[in-house]
PDB file of N, CA and C in Angstrom:
ATOM      1  N   VAL A   1      98.579 141.692 129.995  1.00  0.00           N
ATOM      2  CA  VAL A   1      98.376 140.413 130.661  1.00  0.00           C
ATOM      3  C   VAL A   1      98.016 139.380 129.593  1.00  0.00           C
ATOM      4  N   PHE A   2      98.759 138.277 129.579  1.00  0.00           N
ATOM      5  CA  PHE A   2      98.581 137.265 128.549  1.00  0.00           C
ATOM      6  C   PHE A   2      98.127 135.936 129.145  1.00  0.00           C
ATOM      7  N   ALA A   3      97.475 135.143 128.304  1.00  0.00           N
ATOM      8  CA  ALA A   3      97.181 133.760 128.670  1.00  0.00           C
ATOM      9  C   ALA A   3      98.507 132.994 128.679  1.00  0.00           C
ATOM     10  N   TRP A   4      98.552 131.927 129.478  1.00  0.00           N
ATOM     11  CA  TRP A   4      99.806 131.222 129.737  1.00  0.00           C
ATOM     12  C   TRP A   4      99.552 129.726 129.772  1.00  0.00           C
ATOM     13  N   LEU A   5     100.454 128.963 129.131  1.00  0.00           N
ATOM     14  CA  LEU A   5     100.340 127.510 129.073  1.00  0.00           C
ATOM     15  C   LEU A   5     101.174 126.828 130.159  1.00  0.00           C
ATOM     16  N   GLY A   6     102.270 127.460 130.570  1.00  0.00           N
ATOM     17  CA  GLY A   6     103.094 126.908 131.650  1.00  0.00           C
ATOM     18  C   GLY A   6     104.081 125.852 131.197  1.00  0.00           C
ATOM     19  N   VAL A   7     104.701 126.093 130.041  1.00  0.00           N
ATOM     20  CA  VAL A   7     105.719 125.163 129.539  1.00  0.00           C
ATOM     21  C   VAL A   7     106.930 125.929 129.042  1.00  0.00           C
ATOM     22  N   GLY A   8     108.091 125.281 129.138  1.00  0.00           N
ATOM     23  CA  GLY A   8     109.295 125.754 128.465  1.00  0.00           C
ATOM     24  C   GLY A   8     109.405 124.935 127.197  1.00  0.00           C
ATOM     25  N   VAL A   9     109.658 125.588 126.061  1.00  0.00           N
ATOM     26  CA  VAL A   9     109.588 124.885 124.779  1.00  0.00           C
ATOM     27  C   VAL A   9     110.784 125.204 123.884  1.00  0.00           C
ATOM     28  N   ASP A  10     110.968 124.350 122.900  1.00  0.00           N
ATOM     29  CA  ASP A  10     112.015 124.529 121.904  1.00  0.00           C
ATOM     30  C   ASP A  10     111.498 123.995 120.580  1.00  0.00           C
ATOM     31  N   ASP A  11     111.967 124.583 119.485  1.00  0.00           N
ATOM     32  CA  ASP A  11     111.537 124.114 118.167  1.00  0.00           C
ATOM     33  C   ASP A  11     112.032 122.700 117.897  1.00  0.00           C
ATOM     34  N   VAL A  12     111.171 121.906 117.246  1.00  0.00           N
ATOM     35  CA  VAL A  12     111.586 120.608 116.729  1.00  0.00           C
ATOM     36  C   VAL A  12     111.970 120.835 115.273  1.00  0.00           C
ATOM     37  N   THR A  13     113.191 120.507 114.938  1.00  0.00           N
ATOM     38  CA  THR A  13     113.659 120.572 113.555  1.00  0.00           C
ATOM     39  C   THR A  13     113.910 119.135 113.102  1.00  0.00           C
ATOM     40  N   PRO A  14     114.072 118.907 111.799  1.00  0.00           N
ATOM     41  CA  PRO A  14     114.389 117.545 111.358  1.00  0.00           C
ATOM     42  C   PRO A  14     115.635 116.973 112.051  1.00  0.00           C
ATOM     43  N   VAL A  15     116.624 117.827 112.343  1.00  0.00           N
ATOM     44  CA  VAL A  15     117.847 117.371 113.012  1.00  0.00           C
ATOM     45  C   VAL A  15     117.532 116.942 114.453  1.00  0.00           C
ATOM     46  N   VAL A  16     116.789 117.786 115.180  1.00  0.00           N
ATOM     47  CA  VAL A  16     116.402 117.456 116.558  1.00  0.00           C
ATOM     48  C   VAL A  16     115.546 116.187 116.561  1.00  0.00           C
ATOM     49  N   ALA A  17     114.623 116.091 115.615  1.00  0.00           N
ATOM     50  CA  ALA A  17     113.748 114.914 115.530  1.00  0.00           C
ATOM     51  C   ALA A  17     114.578 113.639 115.369  1.00  0.00           C
ATOM     52  N   ALA A  18     115.596 113.702 114.521  1.00  0.00           N
ATOM     53  CA  ALA A  18     116.457 112.527 114.301  1.00  0.00           C
ATOM     54  C   ALA A  18     117.260 112.212 115.556  1.00  0.00           C
ATOM     55  N   GLN A  19     117.827 113.244 116.207  1.00  0.00           N
ATOM     56  CA  GLN A  19     118.625 113.037 117.416  1.00  0.00           C
ATOM     57  C   GLN A  19     117.794 112.436 118.542  1.00  0.00           C
ATOM     58  N   GLU A  20     116.534 112.892 118.679  1.00  0.00           N
ATOM     59  CA  GLU A  20     115.664 112.454 119.768  1.00  0.00           C
ATOM     60  C   GLU A  20     114.861 111.202 119.418  1.00  0.00           C
ATOM     61  N   GLY A  21     114.968 110.766 118.155  1.00  0.00           N
ATOM     62  CA  GLY A  21     114.200 109.602 117.718  1.00  0.00           C
ATOM     63  C   GLY A  21     112.709 109.862 117.694  1.00  0.00           C
ATOM     64  N   LEU A  22     112.319 111.096 117.342  1.00  0.00           N
ATOM     65  CA  LEU A  22     110.904 111.469 117.343  1.00  0.00           C
ATOM     66  C   LEU A  22     110.200 110.944 116.093  1.00  0.00           C
ATOM     67  N   SER A  23     108.902 110.717 116.223  1.00  0.00           N
ATOM     68  CA  SER A  23     108.117 110.243 115.086  1.00  0.00           C
ATOM     69  C   SER A  23     107.578 111.409 114.254  1.00  0.00           C
ATOM     70  N   VAL A  24     107.827 112.649 114.684  1.00  0.00           N
ATOM     71  CA  VAL A  24     107.413 113.838 113.928  1.00  0.00           C
ATOM     72  C   VAL A  24     108.651 114.669 113.600  1.00  0.00           C
ATOM     73  N   LYS A  25     108.577 115.419 112.507  1.00  0.00           N
ATOM     74  CA  LYS A  25     109.723 116.227 112.062  1.00  0.00           C
ATOM     75  C   LYS A  25     109.564 117.705 112.401  1.00  0.00           C
ATOM     76  N   ARG A  26     108.354 118.117 112.768  1.00  0.00           N
ATOM     77  CA  ARG A  26     108.069 119.519 113.086  1.00  0.00           C
ATOM     78  C   ARG A  26     107.184 119.578 114.322  1.00  0.00           C
ATOM     79  N   GLY A  27     107.239 120.710 115.002  1.00  0.00           N
ATOM     80  CA  GLY A  27     106.417 120.908 116.191  1.00  0.00           C
ATOM     81  C   GLY A  27     107.219 121.639 117.237  1.00  0.00           C
ATOM     82  N   VAL A  28     106.731 121.566 118.473  1.00  0.00           N
ATOM     83  CA  VAL A  28     107.367 122.274 119.579  1.00  0.00           C
ATOM     84  C   VAL A  28     107.573 121.288 120.724  1.00  0.00           C
ATOM     85  N   MET A  29     108.837 121.064 121.074  1.00  0.00           N
ATOM     86  CA  MET A  29     109.196 120.141 122.150  1.00  0.00           C
ATOM     87  C   MET A  29     108.991 120.820 123.496  1.00  0.00           C
ATOM     88  N   VAL A  30     108.275 120.139 124.377  1.00  0.00           N
ATOM     89  CA  VAL A  30     108.115 120.628 125.751  1.00  0.00           C
ATOM     90  C   VAL A  30     109.365 120.194 126.515  1.00  0.00           C
ATOM     91  N   VAL A  31     110.190 121.161 126.926  1.00  0.00           N
ATOM     92  CA  VAL A  31     111.419 120.828 127.641  1.00  0.00           C
ATOM     93  C   VAL A  31     111.240 120.927 129.149  1.00  0.00           C
ATOM     94  N   SER A  32     110.225 121.715 129.581  1.00  0.00           N
ATOM     95  CA  SER A  32     109.932 121.791 131.014  1.00  0.00           C
ATOM     96  C   SER A  32     108.453 122.140 131.191  1.00  0.00           C
ATOM     97  N   VAL A  33     107.904 121.700 132.317  1.00  0.00           N
ATOM     98  CA  VAL A  33     106.512 121.970 132.653  1.00  0.00           C
ATOM     99  C   VAL A  33     106.501 122.643 134.023  1.00  0.00           C
ATOM    100  N   THR A  34     105.875 123.807 134.122  1.00  0.00           N
ATOM    101  CA  THR A  34     105.816 124.543 135.381  1.00  0.00           C
ATOM    102  C   THR A  34     104.929 123.796 136.385  1.00  0.00           C
ATOM    103  N   PRO A  35     105.489 123.447 137.558  1.00  0.00           N
ATOM    104  CA  PRO A  35     104.670 122.764 138.570  1.00  0.00           C
ATOM    105  C   PRO A  35     103.423 123.576 138.918  1.00  0.00           C
ATOM    106  N   GLY A  36     102.274 122.932 138.872  1.00  0.00           N
ATOM    107  CA  GLY A  36     101.020 123.604 139.191  1.00  0.00           C
ATOM    108  C   GLY A  36     100.463 124.464 138.076  1.00  0.00           C
ATOM    109  N   GLY A  37     101.169 124.522 136.945  1.00  0.00           N
ATOM    110  CA  GLY A  37     100.717 125.337 135.818  1.00  0.00           C
ATOM    111  C   GLY A  37      99.653 124.630 134.991  1.00  0.00           C
ATOM    112  N   PRO A  38      99.066 125.343 134.039  1.00  0.00           N
ATOM    113  CA  PRO A  38      97.975 124.792 133.235  1.00  0.00           C
ATOM    114  C   PRO A  38      98.340 123.489 132.511  1.00  0.00           C
ATOM    115  N   ALA A  39      99.524 123.435 131.916  1.00  0.00           N
ATOM    116  CA  ALA A  39      99.920 122.235 131.173  1.00  0.00           C
ATOM    117  C   ALA A  39     100.039 121.026 132.100  1.00  0.00           C
ATOM    118  N   GLN A  40     100.658 121.232 133.274  1.00  0.00           N
ATOM    119  CA  GLN A  40     100.807 120.117 134.211  1.00  0.00           C
ATOM    120  C   GLN A  40      99.439 119.629 134.683  1.00  0.00           C
ATOM    121  N   LYS A  41      98.537 120.540 134.984  1.00  0.00           N
ATOM    122  CA  LYS A  41      97.199 120.169 135.437  1.00  0.00           C
ATOM    123  C   LYS A  41      96.475 119.340 134.379  1.00  0.00           C
ATOM    124  N   ALA A  42      96.768 119.612 133.100  1.00  0.00           N
ATOM    125  CA  ALA A  42      96.109 118.897 132.002  1.00  0.00           C
ATOM    126  C   ALA A  42      96.756 117.547 131.706  1.00  0.00           C
ATOM    127  N   GLY A  43      98.007 117.345 132.184  1.00  0.00           N
ATOM    128  CA  GLY A  43      98.683 116.069 131.953  1.00  0.00           C
ATOM    129  C   GLY A  43      99.788 116.102 130.927  1.00  0.00           C
ATOM    130  N   ILE A  44     100.156 117.284 130.455  1.00  0.00           N
ATOM    131  CA  ILE A  44     101.253 117.415 129.490  1.00  0.00           C
ATOM    132  C   ILE A  44     102.577 117.226 130.218  1.00  0.00           C
ATOM    133  N   LEU A  45     103.492 116.500 129.588  1.00  0.00           N
ATOM    134  CA  LEU A  45     104.775 116.155 130.206  1.00  0.00           C
ATOM    135  C   LEU A  45     105.947 116.697 129.398  1.00  0.00           C
ATOM    136  N   ALA A  46     107.078 116.909 130.081  1.00  0.00           N
ATOM    137  CA  ALA A  46     108.317 117.227 129.374  1.00  0.00           C
ATOM    138  C   ALA A  46     108.607 116.070 128.426  1.00  0.00           C
ATOM    139  N   GLY A  47     109.041 116.407 127.217  1.00  0.00           N
ATOM    140  CA  GLY A  47     109.293 115.383 126.199  1.00  0.00           C
ATOM    141  C   GLY A  47     108.161 115.265 125.195  1.00  0.00           C
ATOM    142  N   ASP A  48     106.973 115.764 125.561  1.00  0.00           N
ATOM    143  CA  ASP A  48     105.865 115.784 124.603  1.00  0.00           C
ATOM    144  C   ASP A  48     106.201 116.779 123.494  1.00  0.00           C
ATOM    145  N   VAL A  49     105.666 116.525 122.298  1.00  0.00           N
ATOM    146  CA  VAL A  49     105.843 117.451 121.178  1.00  0.00           C
ATOM    147  C   VAL A  49     104.470 117.998 120.806  1.00  0.00           C
ATOM    148  N   VAL A  50     104.306 119.317 120.963  1.00  0.00           N
ATOM    149  CA  VAL A  50     103.044 119.969 120.597  1.00  0.00           C
ATOM    150  C   VAL A  50     102.998 120.084 119.074  1.00  0.00           C
ATOM    151  N   THR A  51     101.931 119.532 118.480  1.00  0.00           N
ATOM    152  CA  THR A  51     101.776 119.586 117.029  1.00  0.00           C
ATOM    153  C   THR A  51     100.580 120.434 116.593  1.00  0.00           C
ATOM    154  N   ALA A  52      99.654 120.712 117.534  1.00  0.00           N
ATOM    155  CA  ALA A  52      98.504 121.562 117.195  1.00  0.00           C
ATOM    156  C   ALA A  52      97.966 122.238 118.448  1.00  0.00           C
ATOM    157  N   PHE A  53      97.395 123.418 118.244  1.00  0.00           N
ATOM    158  CA  PHE A  53      96.762 124.186 119.322  1.00  0.00           C
ATOM    159  C   PHE A  53      95.405 124.626 118.801  1.00  0.00           C
ATOM    160  N   ASN A  54      94.351 124.177 119.472  1.00  0.00           N
ATOM    161  CA  ASN A  54      92.977 124.468 119.034  1.00  0.00           C
ATOM    162  C   ASN A  54      92.763 124.115 117.559  1.00  0.00           C
ATOM    163  N   GLY A  55      93.311 122.971 117.156  1.00  0.00           N
ATOM    164  CA  GLY A  55      93.087 122.474 115.800  1.00  0.00           C
ATOM    165  C   GLY A  55      93.972 123.067 114.727  1.00  0.00           C
ATOM    166  N   THR A  56      94.803 124.042 115.099  1.00  0.00           N
ATOM    167  CA  THR A  56      95.710 124.658 114.129  1.00  0.00           C
ATOM    168  C   THR A  56      97.100 124.065 114.298  1.00  0.00           C
ATOM    169  N   GLU A  57      97.679 123.593 113.193  1.00  0.00           N
ATOM    170  CA  GLU A  57      99.004 122.983 113.234  1.00  0.00           C
ATOM    171  C   GLU A  57     100.033 123.959 113.793  1.00  0.00           C
ATOM    172  N   VAL A  58     100.928 123.438 114.619  1.00  0.00           N
ATOM    173  CA  VAL A  58     102.000 124.244 115.214  1.00  0.00           C
ATOM    174  C   VAL A  58     103.328 123.694 114.716  1.00  0.00           C
ATOM    175  N   GLU A  59     104.113 124.559 114.063  1.00  0.00           N
ATOM    176  CA  GLU A  59     105.404 124.121 113.533  1.00  0.00           C
ATOM    177  C   GLU A  59     106.584 124.677 114.301  1.00  0.00           C
ATOM    178  N   ASN A  60     106.369 125.784 115.074  1.00  0.00           N
ATOM    179  CA  ASN A  60     107.495 126.369 115.796  1.00  0.00           C
ATOM    180  C   ASN A  60     107.011 127.115 117.030  1.00  0.00           C
ATOM    181  N   VAL A  61     107.970 127.502 117.859  1.00  0.00           N
ATOM    182  CA  VAL A  61     107.684 128.155 119.138  1.00  0.00           C
ATOM    183  C   VAL A  61     106.899 129.448 118.938  1.00  0.00           C
ATOM    184  N   LYS A  62     107.292 130.269 117.966  1.00  0.00           N
ATOM    185  CA  LYS A  62     106.603 131.547 117.752  1.00  0.00           C
ATOM    186  C   LYS A  62     105.121 131.338 117.433  1.00  0.00           C
ATOM    187  N   GLN A  63     104.814 130.339 116.612  1.00  0.00           N
ATOM    188  CA  GLN A  63     103.407 130.048 116.288  1.00  0.00           C
ATOM    189  C   GLN A  63     102.622 129.678 117.543  1.00  0.00           C
ATOM    190  N   LEU A  64     103.211 128.826 118.371  1.00  0.00           N
ATOM    191  CA  LEU A  64     102.531 128.402 119.598  1.00  0.00           C
ATOM    192  C   LEU A  64     102.336 129.597 120.527  1.00  0.00           C
ATOM    193  N   GLN A  65     103.368 130.405 120.706  1.00  0.00           N
ATOM    194  CA  GLN A  65     103.262 131.566 121.589  1.00  0.00           C
ATOM    195  C   GLN A  65     102.174 132.527 121.117  1.00  0.00           C
ATOM    196  N   ARG A  66     102.114 132.786 119.803  1.00  0.00           N
ATOM    197  CA  ARG A  66     101.079 133.673 119.254  1.00  0.00           C
ATOM    198  C   ARG A  66      99.689 133.107 119.506  1.00  0.00           C
ATOM    199  N   ALA A  67      99.523 131.797 119.299  1.00  0.00           N
ATOM    200  CA  ALA A  67      98.214 131.165 119.483  1.00  0.00           C
ATOM    201  C   ALA A  67      97.763 131.246 120.943  1.00  0.00           C
ATOM    202  N   VAL A  68      98.690 131.001 121.866  1.00  0.00           N
ATOM    203  CA  VAL A  68      98.344 131.055 123.288  1.00  0.00           C
ATOM    204  C   VAL A  68      97.998 132.486 123.676  1.00  0.00           C
ATOM    205  N   ARG A  69      98.808 133.436 123.250  1.00  0.00           N
ATOM    206  CA  ARG A  69      98.569 134.845 123.612  1.00  0.00           C
ATOM    207  C   ARG A  69      97.273 135.377 123.017  1.00  0.00           C
ATOM    208  N   ALA A  70      96.861 134.838 121.872  1.00  0.00           N
ATOM    209  CA  ALA A  70      95.612 135.272 121.230  1.00  0.00           C
ATOM    210  C   ALA A  70      94.386 134.691 121.940  1.00  0.00           C
ATOM    211  N   SER A  71      94.617 133.726 122.822  1.00  0.00           N
ATOM    212  CA  SER A  71      93.531 133.088 123.565  1.00  0.00           C
ATOM    213  C   SER A  71      93.256 133.877 124.842  1.00  0.00           C
ATOM    214  N   GLY A  72      92.092 133.651 125.409  1.00  0.00           N
ATOM    215  CA  GLY A  72      91.721 134.352 126.625  1.00  0.00           C
ATOM    216  C   GLY A  72      92.110 133.591 127.875  1.00  0.00           C
ATOM    217  N   ILE A  73      92.373 134.334 128.938  1.00  0.00           N
ATOM    218  CA  ILE A  73      92.636 133.730 130.239  1.00  0.00           C
ATOM    219  C   ILE A  73      91.361 133.032 130.685  1.00  0.00           C
ATOM    220  N   GLY A  74      91.506 131.785 131.126  1.00  0.00           N
ATOM    221  CA  GLY A  74      90.351 130.996 131.531  1.00  0.00           C
ATOM    222  C   GLY A  74      89.746 130.185 130.396  1.00  0.00           C
ATOM    223  N   GLU A  75      90.206 130.439 129.167  1.00  0.00           N
ATOM    224  CA  GLU A  75      89.715 129.698 128.005  1.00  0.00           C
ATOM    225  C   GLU A  75      90.269 128.274 128.016  1.00  0.00           C
ATOM    226  N   ARG A  76      89.433 127.322 127.576  1.00  0.00           N
ATOM    227  CA  ARG A  76      89.895 125.941 127.435  1.00  0.00           C
ATOM    228  C   ARG A  76      90.446 125.772 126.029  1.00  0.00           C
ATOM    229  N   ALA A  77      91.656 125.271 125.945  1.00  0.00           N
ATOM    230  CA  ALA A  77      92.305 125.057 124.655  1.00  0.00           C
ATOM    231  C   ALA A  77      92.594 123.577 124.469  1.00  0.00           C
ATOM    232  N   GLU A  78      92.462 123.110 123.233  1.00  0.00           N
ATOM    233  CA  GLU A  78      92.818 121.732 122.925  1.00  0.00           C
ATOM    234  C   GLU A  78      94.254 121.723 122.403  1.00  0.00           C
ATOM    235  N   VAL A  79      95.116 120.996 123.114  1.00  0.00           N
ATOM    236  CA  VAL A  79      96.524 120.909 122.736  1.00  0.00           C
ATOM    237  C   VAL A  79      96.798 119.475 122.297  1.00  0.00           C
ATOM    238  N   THR A  80      97.238 119.323 121.042  1.00  0.00           N
ATOM    239  CA  THR A  80      97.569 118.003 120.514  1.00  0.00           C
ATOM    240  C   THR A  80      99.063 117.797 120.651  1.00  0.00           C
ATOM    241  N   VAL A  81      99.453 116.677 121.267  1.00  0.00           N
ATOM    242  CA  VAL A  81     100.873 116.369 121.435  1.00  0.00           C
ATOM    243  C   VAL A  81     101.156 114.966 120.920  1.00  0.00           C
ATOM    244  N   VAL A  82     102.405 114.761 120.540  1.00  0.00           N
ATOM    245  CA  VAL A  82     102.892 113.422 120.236  1.00  0.00           C
ATOM    246  C   VAL A  82     103.766 113.007 121.409  1.00  0.00           C
ATOM    247  N   ARG A  83     103.421 111.877 121.991  1.00  0.00           N
ATOM    248  CA  ARG A  83     104.176 111.304 123.107  1.00  0.00           C
ATOM    249  C   ARG A  83     104.576 109.906 122.659  1.00  0.00           C
ATOM    250  N   GLY A  84     105.891 109.726 122.462  1.00  0.00           N
ATOM    251  CA  GLY A  84     106.338 108.454 121.890  1.00  0.00           C
ATOM    252  C   GLY A  84     105.825 108.365 120.465  1.00  0.00           C
ATOM    253  N   LYS A  85     105.069 107.330 120.163  1.00  0.00           N
ATOM    254  CA  LYS A  85     104.513 107.168 118.819  1.00  0.00           C
ATOM    255  C   LYS A  85     103.038 107.573 118.765  1.00  0.00           C
ATOM    256  N   ASP A  86     102.462 107.952 119.912  1.00  0.00           N
ATOM    257  CA  ASP A  86     101.028 108.230 119.984  1.00  0.00           C
ATOM    258  C   ASP A  86     100.718 109.716 119.987  1.00  0.00           C
ATOM    259  N   SER A  87      99.643 110.077 119.303  1.00  0.00           N
ATOM    260  CA  SER A  87      99.135 111.440 119.331  1.00  0.00           C
ATOM    261  C   SER A  87      98.013 111.485 120.368  1.00  0.00           C
ATOM    262  N   GLN A  88      98.055 112.505 121.229  1.00  0.00           N
ATOM    263  CA  GLN A  88      97.048 112.647 122.279  1.00  0.00           C
ATOM    264  C   GLN A  88      96.566 114.088 122.315  1.00  0.00           C
ATOM    265  N   LYS A  89      95.304 114.268 122.713  1.00  0.00           N
ATOM    266  CA  LYS A  89      94.739 115.614 122.849  1.00  0.00           C
ATOM    267  C   LYS A  89      94.476 115.892 124.325  1.00  0.00           C
ATOM    268  N   PHE A  90      94.849 117.087 124.762  1.00  0.00           N
ATOM    269  CA  PHE A  90      94.651 117.508 126.150  1.00  0.00           C
ATOM    270  C   PHE A  90      93.815 118.781 126.162  1.00  0.00           C
ATOM    271  N   GLN A  91      92.892 118.862 127.118  1.00  0.00           N
ATOM    272  CA  GLN A  91      92.115 120.077 127.329  1.00  0.00           C
ATOM    273  C   GLN A  91      92.826 120.882 128.418  1.00  0.00           C
ATOM    274  N   VAL A  92      93.335 122.047 128.055  1.00  0.00           N
ATOM    275  CA  VAL A  92      94.100 122.888 128.977  1.00  0.00           C
ATOM    276  C   VAL A  92      93.317 124.170 129.234  1.00  0.00           C
ATOM    277  N   THR A  93      93.131 124.501 130.504  1.00  0.00           N
ATOM    278  CA  THR A  93      92.516 125.781 130.854  1.00  0.00           C
ATOM    279  C   THR A  93      93.638 126.795 131.042  1.00  0.00           C
ATOM    280  N   LEU A  94      93.705 127.756 130.121  1.00  0.00           N
ATOM    281  CA  LEU A  94      94.783 128.745 130.145  1.00  0.00           C
ATOM    282  C   LEU A  94      94.620 129.661 131.345  1.00  0.00           C
ATOM    283  N   GLU A  95      95.731 130.052 131.922  1.00  0.00           N
ATOM    284  CA  GLU A  95      95.735 130.917 133.105  1.00  0.00           C
ATOM    285  C   GLU A  95      96.485 132.217 132.789  1.00  0.00           C
ATOM    286  N   GLU A  96      96.336 133.175 133.696  1.00  0.00           N
ATOM    287  CA  GLU A  96      97.093 134.421 133.575  1.00  0.00           C
ATOM    288  C   GLU A  96      98.551 134.119 133.852  1.00  0.00           C
ATOM    289  N   GLN A  97      99.431 134.674 133.013  1.00  0.00           N
ATOM    290  CA  GLN A  97     100.854 134.455 133.195  1.00  0.00           C
ATOM    291  C   GLN A  97     101.323 135.125 134.489  1.00  0.00           C
ATOM    292  N   PRO A  98     101.951 134.340 135.402  1.00  0.00           N
ATOM    293  CA  PRO A  98     102.463 134.937 136.643  1.00  0.00           C
ATOM    294  C   PRO A  98     103.539 135.978 136.343  1.00  0.00           C
ATOM    295  N   ARG A  99     103.644 136.951 137.181  1.00  0.00           N
ATOM    296  CA  ARG A  99     104.645 138.007 136.985  1.00  0.00           C
ATOM    297  C   ARG A  99     106.069 137.458 136.984  1.00  0.00           C
ATOM    298  N   SER A 100     106.300 136.343 137.663  1.00  0.00           N
ATOM    299  CA  SER A 100     107.652 135.782 137.770  1.00  0.00           C
ATOM    300  C   SER A 100     108.092 135.070 136.504  1.00  0.00           C
ATOM    301  N   GLN A 101     107.181 134.860 135.557  1.00  0.00           N
ATOM    302  CA  GLN A 101     107.508 134.114 134.334  1.00  0.00           C
ATOM    303  C   GLN A 101     108.051 135.008 133.259  1.00  0.00           C
TER     304      GLN A 101
END
């Protein structure tokens, strides 16, 4: 049983960053947010780019997945995202991953 953030994600590469007009060259693009999931409850939106999890820089999907799984269910995590040109921090309470995910 793993902690769960409730997002569908994809790596941000310099090519993707240029195509999307992003202000960051690395990170993890949120492509979908599970309705009622931890990320949605915290205010994270599709299109946000996760750049840090609990203060640790995130450069790719595998790093983010490892960080979330290493966290405890019910733990509050600080997720830093870039939305447009602004960096924002969200407090997310991680939940148990539903069996359907």
